[in-house]
PDB file of all heavy atoms in Angstrom:
ATOM      1  N   GLN A   1       0.826  -1.203   0.000  1.00  0.00           N
ATOM      2  CA  GLN A   1       0.000   0.000   0.000  1.00  0.00           C
ATOM      3  C   GLN A   1       0.864   1.260   0.000  1.00  0.00           C
ATOM      4  O   GLN A   1       0.576   2.238  -0.701  1.00  0.00           O
ATOM      5  CB  GLN A   1      -0.912   0.006   1.236  1.00  0.00           C
ATOM      6  CG  GLN A   1      -1.991  -1.073   1.212  1.00  0.00           C
ATOM      7  CD  GLN A   1      -2.810  -1.066   2.487  1.00  0.00           C
ATOM      8  OE1 GLN A   1      -2.721  -0.148   3.295  1.00  0.00           O
ATOM      9  NE2 GLN A   1      -3.617  -2.114   2.679  1.00  0.00           N
ATOM     10  N   GLY A   2       1.962   1.230   0.771  1.00  0.00           N
ATOM     11  CA  GLY A   2       2.863   2.382   0.793  1.00  0.00           C
ATOM     12  C   GLY A   2       3.517   2.627  -0.557  1.00  0.00           C
ATOM     13  O   GLY A   2       3.670   3.783  -0.982  1.00  0.00           O
ATOM     14  N   TRP A   3       3.880   1.512  -1.241  1.00  0.00           N
ATOM     15  CA  TRP A   3       4.512   1.651  -2.572  1.00  0.00           C
ATOM     16  C   TRP A   3       3.528   2.241  -3.576  1.00  0.00           C
ATOM     17  O   TRP A   3       3.888   3.124  -4.362  1.00  0.00           O
ATOM     18  CB  TRP A   3       5.021   0.294  -3.030  1.00  0.00           C
ATOM     19  CG  TRP A   3       5.543   0.273  -4.437  1.00  0.00           C
ATOM     20  CD1 TRP A   3       4.961  -0.292  -5.518  1.00  0.00           C
ATOM     21  CD2 TRP A   3       6.755   0.877  -4.886  1.00  0.00           C
ATOM     22  NE1 TRP A   3       5.722  -0.101  -6.646  1.00  0.00           N
ATOM     23  CE2 TRP A   3       6.851   0.627  -6.281  1.00  0.00           C
ATOM     24  CE3 TRP A   3       7.766   1.593  -4.265  1.00  0.00           C
ATOM     25  CZ2 TRP A   3       7.919   1.070  -7.048  1.00  0.00           C
ATOM     26  CZ3 TRP A   3       8.833   2.028  -5.041  1.00  0.00           C
ATOM     27  CH2 TRP A   3       8.896   1.776  -6.404  1.00  0.00           C
ATOM     28  N   GLU A   4       2.299   1.763  -3.531  1.00  0.00           N
ATOM     29  CA  GLU A   4       1.293   2.298  -4.446  1.00  0.00           C
ATOM     30  C   GLU A   4       1.010   3.776  -4.157  1.00  0.00           C
ATOM     31  O   GLU A   4       0.849   4.577  -5.087  1.00  0.00           O
ATOM     32  CB  GLU A   4      -0.001   1.483  -4.338  1.00  0.00           C
ATOM     33  CG  GLU A   4       0.147   0.048  -4.839  1.00  0.00           C
ATOM     34  CD  GLU A   4      -1.113  -0.764  -4.606  1.00  0.00           C
ATOM     35  OE1 GLU A   4      -2.038  -0.232  -3.932  1.00  0.00           O
ATOM     36  OE2 GLU A   4      -1.177  -1.920  -5.070  1.00  0.00           O
ATOM     37  N   LEU A   5       0.966   4.132  -2.882  1.00  0.00           N
ATOM     38  CA  LEU A   5       0.741   5.526  -2.533  1.00  0.00           C
ATOM     39  C   LEU A   5       1.894   6.407  -2.996  1.00  0.00           C
ATOM     40  O   LEU A   5       1.685   7.518  -3.515  1.00  0.00           O
ATOM     41  CB  LEU A   5       0.555   5.650  -1.016  1.00  0.00           C
ATOM     42  CG  LEU A   5       0.272   7.056  -0.471  1.00  0.00           C
ATOM     43  CD1 LEU A   5      -1.026   7.604  -1.053  1.00  0.00           C
ATOM     44  CD2 LEU A   5       0.206   7.035   1.054  1.00  0.00           C
ATOM     45  N   ALA A   6       3.130   5.892  -2.860  1.00  0.00           N
ATOM     46  CA  ALA A   6       4.289   6.662  -3.303  1.00  0.00           C
ATOM     47  C   ALA A   6       4.253   6.878  -4.808  1.00  0.00           C
ATOM     48  O   ALA A   6       4.586   7.961  -5.308  1.00  0.00           O
ATOM     49  CB  ALA A   6       5.573   5.950  -2.889  1.00  0.00           C
ATOM     50  N   LEU A   7       3.869   5.819  -5.569  1.00  0.00           N
ATOM     51  CA  LEU A   7       3.774   5.969  -7.024  1.00  0.00           C
ATOM     52  C   LEU A   7       2.725   7.010  -7.403  1.00  0.00           C
ATOM     53  O   LEU A   7       2.927   7.815  -8.319  1.00  0.00           O
ATOM     54  CB  LEU A   7       3.431   4.612  -7.659  1.00  0.00           C
ATOM     55  CG  LEU A   7       4.570   3.570  -7.680  1.00  0.00           C
ATOM     56  CD1 LEU A   7       4.073   2.276  -8.302  1.00  0.00           C
ATOM     57  CD2 LEU A   7       5.772   4.106  -8.469  1.00  0.00           C
ATOM     58  N   GLN A   8       1.588   6.982  -6.690  1.00  0.00           N
ATOM     59  CA  GLN A   8       0.553   7.984  -6.990  1.00  0.00           C
ATOM     60  C   GLN A   8       1.070   9.395  -6.752  1.00  0.00           C
ATOM     61  O   GLN A   8       0.813  10.315  -7.523  1.00  0.00           O
ATOM     62  CB  GLN A   8      -0.685   7.712  -6.123  1.00  0.00           C
ATOM     63  CG  GLN A   8      -1.429   6.430  -6.492  1.00  0.00           C
ATOM     64  CD  GLN A   8      -2.606   6.189  -5.570  1.00  0.00           C
ATOM     65  OE1 GLN A   8      -2.929   7.014  -4.735  1.00  0.00           O
ATOM     66  NE2 GLN A   8      -3.248   5.026  -5.734  1.00  0.00           N
ATOM     67  N   TRP A   9       1.814   9.574  -5.647  1.00  0.00           N
ATOM     68  CA  TRP A   9       2.344  10.896  -5.341  1.00  0.00           C
ATOM     69  C   TRP A   9       3.369  11.344  -6.391  1.00  0.00           C
ATOM     70  O   TRP A   9       3.405  12.505  -6.787  1.00  0.00           O
ATOM     71  CB  TRP A   9       2.984  10.888  -3.956  1.00  0.00           C
ATOM     72  CG  TRP A   9       1.966  10.863  -2.833  1.00  0.00           C
ATOM     73  CD1 TRP A   9       0.611  10.816  -2.972  1.00  0.00           C
ATOM     74  CD2 TRP A   9       2.240  10.887  -1.441  1.00  0.00           C
ATOM     75  NE1 TRP A   9       0.007  10.802  -1.754  1.00  0.00           N
ATOM     76  CE2 TRP A   9       0.983  10.847  -0.770  1.00  0.00           C
ATOM     77  CE3 TRP A   9       3.394  10.919  -0.667  1.00  0.00           C
ATOM     78  CZ2 TRP A   9       0.877  10.853   0.609  1.00  0.00           C
ATOM     79  CZ3 TRP A   9       3.293  10.937   0.712  1.00  0.00           C
ATOM     80  CH2 TRP A   9       2.051  10.899   1.342  1.00  0.00           C
ATOM     81  N   LEU A  10       4.210  10.395  -6.819  1.00  0.00           N
ATOM     82  CA  LEU A  10       5.266  10.758  -7.771  1.00  0.00           C
ATOM     83  C   LEU A  10       4.700  11.118  -9.144  1.00  0.00           C
ATOM     84  O   LEU A  10       5.277  11.908  -9.887  1.00  0.00           O
ATOM     85  CB  LEU A  10       6.269   9.610  -7.905  1.00  0.00           C
ATOM     86  CG  LEU A  10       7.163   9.355  -6.676  1.00  0.00           C
ATOM     87  CD1 LEU A  10       7.988   8.103  -6.881  1.00  0.00           C
ATOM     88  CD2 LEU A  10       8.076  10.558  -6.421  1.00  0.00           C
ATOM     89  N   LEU A  11       3.564  10.529  -9.508  1.00  0.00           N
ATOM     90  CA  LEU A  11       3.003  10.742 -10.845  1.00  0.00           C
ATOM     91  C   LEU A  11       1.871  11.760 -10.853  1.00  0.00           C
ATOM     92  O   LEU A  11       1.262  11.978 -11.903  1.00  0.00           O
ATOM     93  CB  LEU A  11       2.495   9.398 -11.405  1.00  0.00           C
ATOM     94  CG  LEU A  11       3.558   8.291 -11.557  1.00  0.00           C
ATOM     95  CD1 LEU A  11       2.914   7.010 -12.060  1.00  0.00           C
ATOM     96  CD2 LEU A  11       4.661   8.744 -12.507  1.00  0.00           C
ATOM     97  N   SER A  12       1.608  12.381  -9.703  1.00  0.00           N
ATOM     98  CA  SER A  12       0.463  13.295  -9.630  1.00  0.00           C
ATOM     99  C   SER A  12       0.939  14.742  -9.560  1.00  0.00           C
ATOM    100  O   SER A  12       1.774  15.085  -8.712  1.00  0.00           O
ATOM    101  CB  SER A  12      -0.379  12.969  -8.385  1.00  0.00           C
ATOM    102  OG  SER A  12      -1.347  13.961  -8.176  1.00  0.00           O
ATOM    103  N   PRO A  13       0.436  15.634 -10.483  1.00  0.00           N
ATOM    104  CA  PRO A  13       0.775  17.064 -10.396  1.00  0.00           C
ATOM    105  C   PRO A  13       0.331  17.683  -9.060  1.00  0.00           C
ATOM    106  O   PRO A  13       1.006  18.557  -8.518  1.00  0.00           O
ATOM    107  CB  PRO A  13       0.036  17.683 -11.568  1.00  0.00           C
ATOM    108  CG  PRO A  13      -0.220  16.548 -12.504  1.00  0.00           C
ATOM    109  CD  PRO A  13      -0.408  15.338 -11.655  1.00  0.00           C
ATOM    110  N   ALA A  14      -0.807  17.228  -8.562  1.00  0.00           N
ATOM    111  CA  ALA A  14      -1.277  17.755  -7.284  1.00  0.00           C
ATOM    112  C   ALA A  14      -0.291  17.434  -6.162  1.00  0.00           C
ATOM    113  O   ALA A  14      -0.024  18.259  -5.275  1.00  0.00           O
ATOM    114  CB  ALA A  14      -2.647  17.170  -6.961  1.00  0.00           C
ATOM    115  N   ALA A  15       0.267  16.200  -6.209  1.00  0.00           N
ATOM    116  CA  ALA A  15       1.235  15.819  -5.189  1.00  0.00           C
ATOM    117  C   ALA A  15       2.485  16.688  -5.273  1.00  0.00           C
ATOM    118  O   ALA A  15       3.029  17.142  -4.260  1.00  0.00           O
ATOM    119  CB  ALA A  15       1.592  14.342  -5.331  1.00  0.00           C
ATOM    120  N   TRP A  16       2.962  16.940  -6.513  1.00  0.00           N
ATOM    121  CA  TRP A  16       4.150  17.777  -6.678  1.00  0.00           C
ATOM    122  C   TRP A  16       3.908  19.191  -6.200  1.00  0.00           C
ATOM    123  O   TRP A  16       4.789  19.834  -5.600  1.00  0.00           O
ATOM    124  CB  TRP A  16       4.594  17.784  -8.137  1.00  0.00           C
ATOM    125  CG  TRP A  16       5.350  16.555  -8.515  1.00  0.00           C
ATOM    126  CD1 TRP A  16       4.904  15.510  -9.247  1.00  0.00           C
ATOM    127  CD2 TRP A  16       6.690  16.256  -8.144  1.00  0.00           C
ATOM    128  NE1 TRP A  16       5.876  14.547  -9.386  1.00  0.00           N
ATOM    129  CE2 TRP A  16       7.004  14.985  -8.702  1.00  0.00           C
ATOM    130  CE3 TRP A  16       7.671  16.915  -7.393  1.00  0.00           C
ATOM    131  CZ2 TRP A  16       8.244  14.374  -8.557  1.00  0.00           C
ATOM    132  CZ3 TRP A  16       8.904  16.302  -7.237  1.00  0.00           C
ATOM    133  CH2 TRP A  16       9.181  15.052  -7.807  1.00  0.00           C
ATOM    134  N   SER A  17       2.739  19.721  -6.450  1.00  0.00           N
ATOM    135  CA  SER A  17       2.437  21.069  -5.961  1.00  0.00           C
ATOM    136  C   SER A  17       2.400  21.099  -4.438  1.00  0.00           C
ATOM    137  O   SER A  17       2.832  22.073  -3.805  1.00  0.00           O
ATOM    138  CB  SER A  17       1.096  21.532  -6.526  1.00  0.00           C
ATOM    139  OG  SER A  17       0.036  20.703  -6.067  1.00  0.00           O
ATOM    140  N   GLN A  18       1.899  20.017  -3.846  1.00  0.00           N
ATOM    141  CA  GLN A  18       1.877  19.968  -2.387  1.00  0.00           C
ATOM    142  C   GLN A  18       3.286  19.854  -1.809  1.00  0.00           C
ATOM    143  O   GLN A  18       3.605  20.472  -0.793  1.00  0.00           O
ATOM    144  CB  GLN A  18       1.010  18.786  -1.930  1.00  0.00           C
ATOM    145  CG  GLN A  18      -0.472  18.965  -2.250  1.00  0.00           C
ATOM    146  CD  GLN A  18      -1.294  17.743  -1.903  1.00  0.00           C
ATOM    147  OE1 GLN A  18      -1.289  17.314  -0.754  1.00  0.00           O
ATOM    148  NE2 GLN A  18      -1.994  17.185  -2.884  1.00  0.00           N
ATOM    149  N   PHE A  19       4.141  19.047  -2.488  1.00  0.00           N
ATOM    150  CA  PHE A  19       5.553  18.993  -2.063  1.00  0.00           C
ATOM    151  C   PHE A  19       6.182  20.377  -2.121  1.00  0.00           C
ATOM    152  O   PHE A  19       6.926  20.787  -1.222  1.00  0.00           O
ATOM    153  CB  PHE A  19       6.332  18.018  -2.942  1.00  0.00           C
ATOM    154  CG  PHE A  19       6.232  16.586  -2.518  1.00  0.00           C
ATOM    155  CD1 PHE A  19       5.737  15.620  -3.380  1.00  0.00           C
ATOM    156  CD2 PHE A  19       6.628  16.188  -1.249  1.00  0.00           C
ATOM    157  CE1 PHE A  19       5.647  14.297  -2.997  1.00  0.00           C
ATOM    158  CE2 PHE A  19       6.539  14.862  -0.856  1.00  0.00           C
ATOM    159  CZ  PHE A  19       6.039  13.908  -1.733  1.00  0.00           C
ATOM    160  N   ALA A  20       5.899  21.104  -3.179  1.00  0.00           N
ATOM    161  CA  ALA A  20       6.461  22.450  -3.331  1.00  0.00           C
ATOM    162  C   ALA A  20       5.971  23.374  -2.221  1.00  0.00           C
ATOM    163  O   ALA A  20       6.735  24.176  -1.670  1.00  0.00           O
ATOM    164  CB  ALA A  20       6.087  23.013  -4.703  1.00  0.00           C
ATOM    165  N   LEU A  21       4.684  23.258  -1.867  1.00  0.00           N
ATOM    166  CA  LEU A  21       4.165  24.083  -0.786  1.00  0.00           C
ATOM    167  C   LEU A  21       4.813  23.729   0.563  1.00  0.00           C
ATOM    168  O   LEU A  21       5.078  24.617   1.389  1.00  0.00           O
ATOM    169  CB  LEU A  21       2.651  23.910  -0.684  1.00  0.00           C
ATOM    170  CG  LEU A  21       1.808  24.720  -1.672  1.00  0.00           C
ATOM    171  CD1 LEU A  21       0.344  24.364  -1.526  1.00  0.00           C
ATOM    172  CD2 LEU A  21       2.002  26.213  -1.410  1.00  0.00           C
ATOM    173  N   LEU A  22       5.078  22.432   0.776  1.00  0.00           N
ATOM    174  CA  LEU A  22       5.742  22.031   2.023  1.00  0.00           C
ATOM    175  C   LEU A  22       7.135  22.641   2.120  1.00  0.00           C
ATOM    176  O   LEU A  22       7.532  23.177   3.166  1.00  0.00           O
ATOM    177  CB  LEU A  22       5.828  20.499   2.102  1.00  0.00           C
ATOM    178  CG  LEU A  22       4.526  19.749   2.354  1.00  0.00           C
ATOM    179  CD1 LEU A  22       4.763  18.240   2.328  1.00  0.00           C
ATOM    180  CD2 LEU A  22       3.934  20.156   3.703  1.00  0.00           C
ATOM    181  N   VAL A  23       7.894  22.552   1.015  1.00  0.00           N
ATOM    182  CA  VAL A  23       9.245  23.127   1.012  1.00  0.00           C
ATOM    183  C   VAL A  23       9.178  24.632   1.214  1.00  0.00           C
ATOM    184  O   VAL A  23       9.956  25.223   1.988  1.00  0.00           O
ATOM    185  CB  VAL A  23       9.966  22.773  -0.302  1.00  0.00           C
ATOM    186  CG1 VAL A  23      11.313  23.485  -0.389  1.00  0.00           C
ATOM    187  CG2 VAL A  23      10.153  21.262  -0.419  1.00  0.00           C
ATOM    188  N   LEU A  24       8.227  25.288   0.542  1.00  0.00           N
ATOM    189  CA  LEU A  24       8.080  26.726   0.668  1.00  0.00           C
ATOM    190  C   LEU A  24       7.693  27.111   2.104  1.00  0.00           C
ATOM    191  O   LEU A  24       8.228  28.083   2.659  1.00  0.00           O
ATOM    192  CB  LEU A  24       7.022  27.228  -0.315  1.00  0.00           C
ATOM    193  CG  LEU A  24       6.748  28.747  -0.307  1.00  0.00           C
ATOM    194  CD1 LEU A  24       8.015  29.497  -0.698  1.00  0.00           C
ATOM    195  CD2 LEU A  24       5.597  29.079  -1.247  1.00  0.00           C
ATOM    196  N   ALA A  25       6.786  26.348   2.699  1.00  0.00           N
ATOM    197  CA  ALA A  25       6.374  26.629   4.077  1.00  0.00           C
ATOM    198  C   ALA A  25       7.546  26.482   5.040  1.00  0.00           C
ATOM    199  O   ALA A  25       7.730  27.299   5.952  1.00  0.00           O
ATOM    200  CB  ALA A  25       5.229  25.700   4.477  1.00  0.00           C
ATOM    201  N   TRP A  26       8.362  25.445   4.822  1.00  0.00           N
ATOM    202  CA  TRP A  26       9.513  25.228   5.712  1.00  0.00           C
ATOM    203  C   TRP A  26      10.543  26.350   5.573  1.00  0.00           C
ATOM    204  O   TRP A  26      11.040  26.875   6.583  1.00  0.00           O
ATOM    205  CB  TRP A  26      10.135  23.873   5.419  1.00  0.00           C
ATOM    206  CG  TRP A  26      11.391  23.610   6.206  1.00  0.00           C
ATOM    207  CD1 TRP A  26      12.663  23.540   5.754  1.00  0.00           C
ATOM    208  CD2 TRP A  26      11.461  23.395   7.622  1.00  0.00           C
ATOM    209  NE1 TRP A  26      13.524  23.292   6.779  1.00  0.00           N
ATOM    210  CE2 TRP A  26      12.810  23.204   7.952  1.00  0.00           C
ATOM    211  CE3 TRP A  26      10.508  23.361   8.642  1.00  0.00           C
ATOM    212  CZ2 TRP A  26      13.242  22.959   9.251  1.00  0.00           C
ATOM    213  CZ3 TRP A  26      10.936  23.127   9.938  1.00  0.00           C
ATOM    214  CH2 TRP A  26      12.280  22.936  10.226  1.00  0.00           C
ATOM    215  N   LEU A  27      10.854  26.736   4.328  1.00  0.00           N
ATOM    216  CA  LEU A  27      11.836  27.800   4.119  1.00  0.00           C
ATOM    217  C   LEU A  27      11.324  29.133   4.672  1.00  0.00           C
ATOM    218  O   LEU A  27      12.084  29.893   5.294  1.00  0.00           O
ATOM    219  CB  LEU A  27      12.148  27.933   2.630  1.00  0.00           C
ATOM    220  CG  LEU A  27      12.876  26.739   1.989  1.00  0.00           C
ATOM    221  CD1 LEU A  27      13.058  26.968   0.497  1.00  0.00           C
ATOM    222  CD2 LEU A  27      14.223  26.510   2.656  1.00  0.00           C
ATOM    223  N   LEU A  28      10.047  29.417   4.460  1.00  0.00           N
ATOM    224  CA  LEU A  28       9.482  30.664   4.967  1.00  0.00           C
ATOM    225  C   LEU A  28       9.459  30.665   6.498  1.00  0.00           C
ATOM    226  O   LEU A  28       9.740  31.698   7.129  1.00  0.00           O
ATOM    227  CB  LEU A  28       8.068  30.838   4.415  1.00  0.00           C
ATOM    228  CG  LEU A  28       7.376  32.182   4.729  1.00  0.00           C
ATOM    229  CD1 LEU A  28       8.205  33.339   4.176  1.00  0.00           C
ATOM    230  CD2 LEU A  28       5.980  32.210   4.121  1.00  0.00           C
ATOM    231  N   ALA A  29       9.146  29.514   7.085  1.00  0.00           N
ATOM    232  CA  ALA A  29       9.147  29.414   8.548  1.00  0.00           C
ATOM    233  C   ALA A  29      10.550  29.628   9.110  1.00  0.00           C
ATOM    234  O   ALA A  29      10.730  30.320  10.120  1.00  0.00           O
ATOM    235  CB  ALA A  29       8.598  28.049   8.985  1.00  0.00           C
TER     236      ALA A  29
END
């Protein structure tokens, strides 16, 4: 289940945008 979830995240534009927001939130913090 974890592998399938990771694949979904890697292939999803929404997931990439969320990763970008996490990095941005951390740097801004």
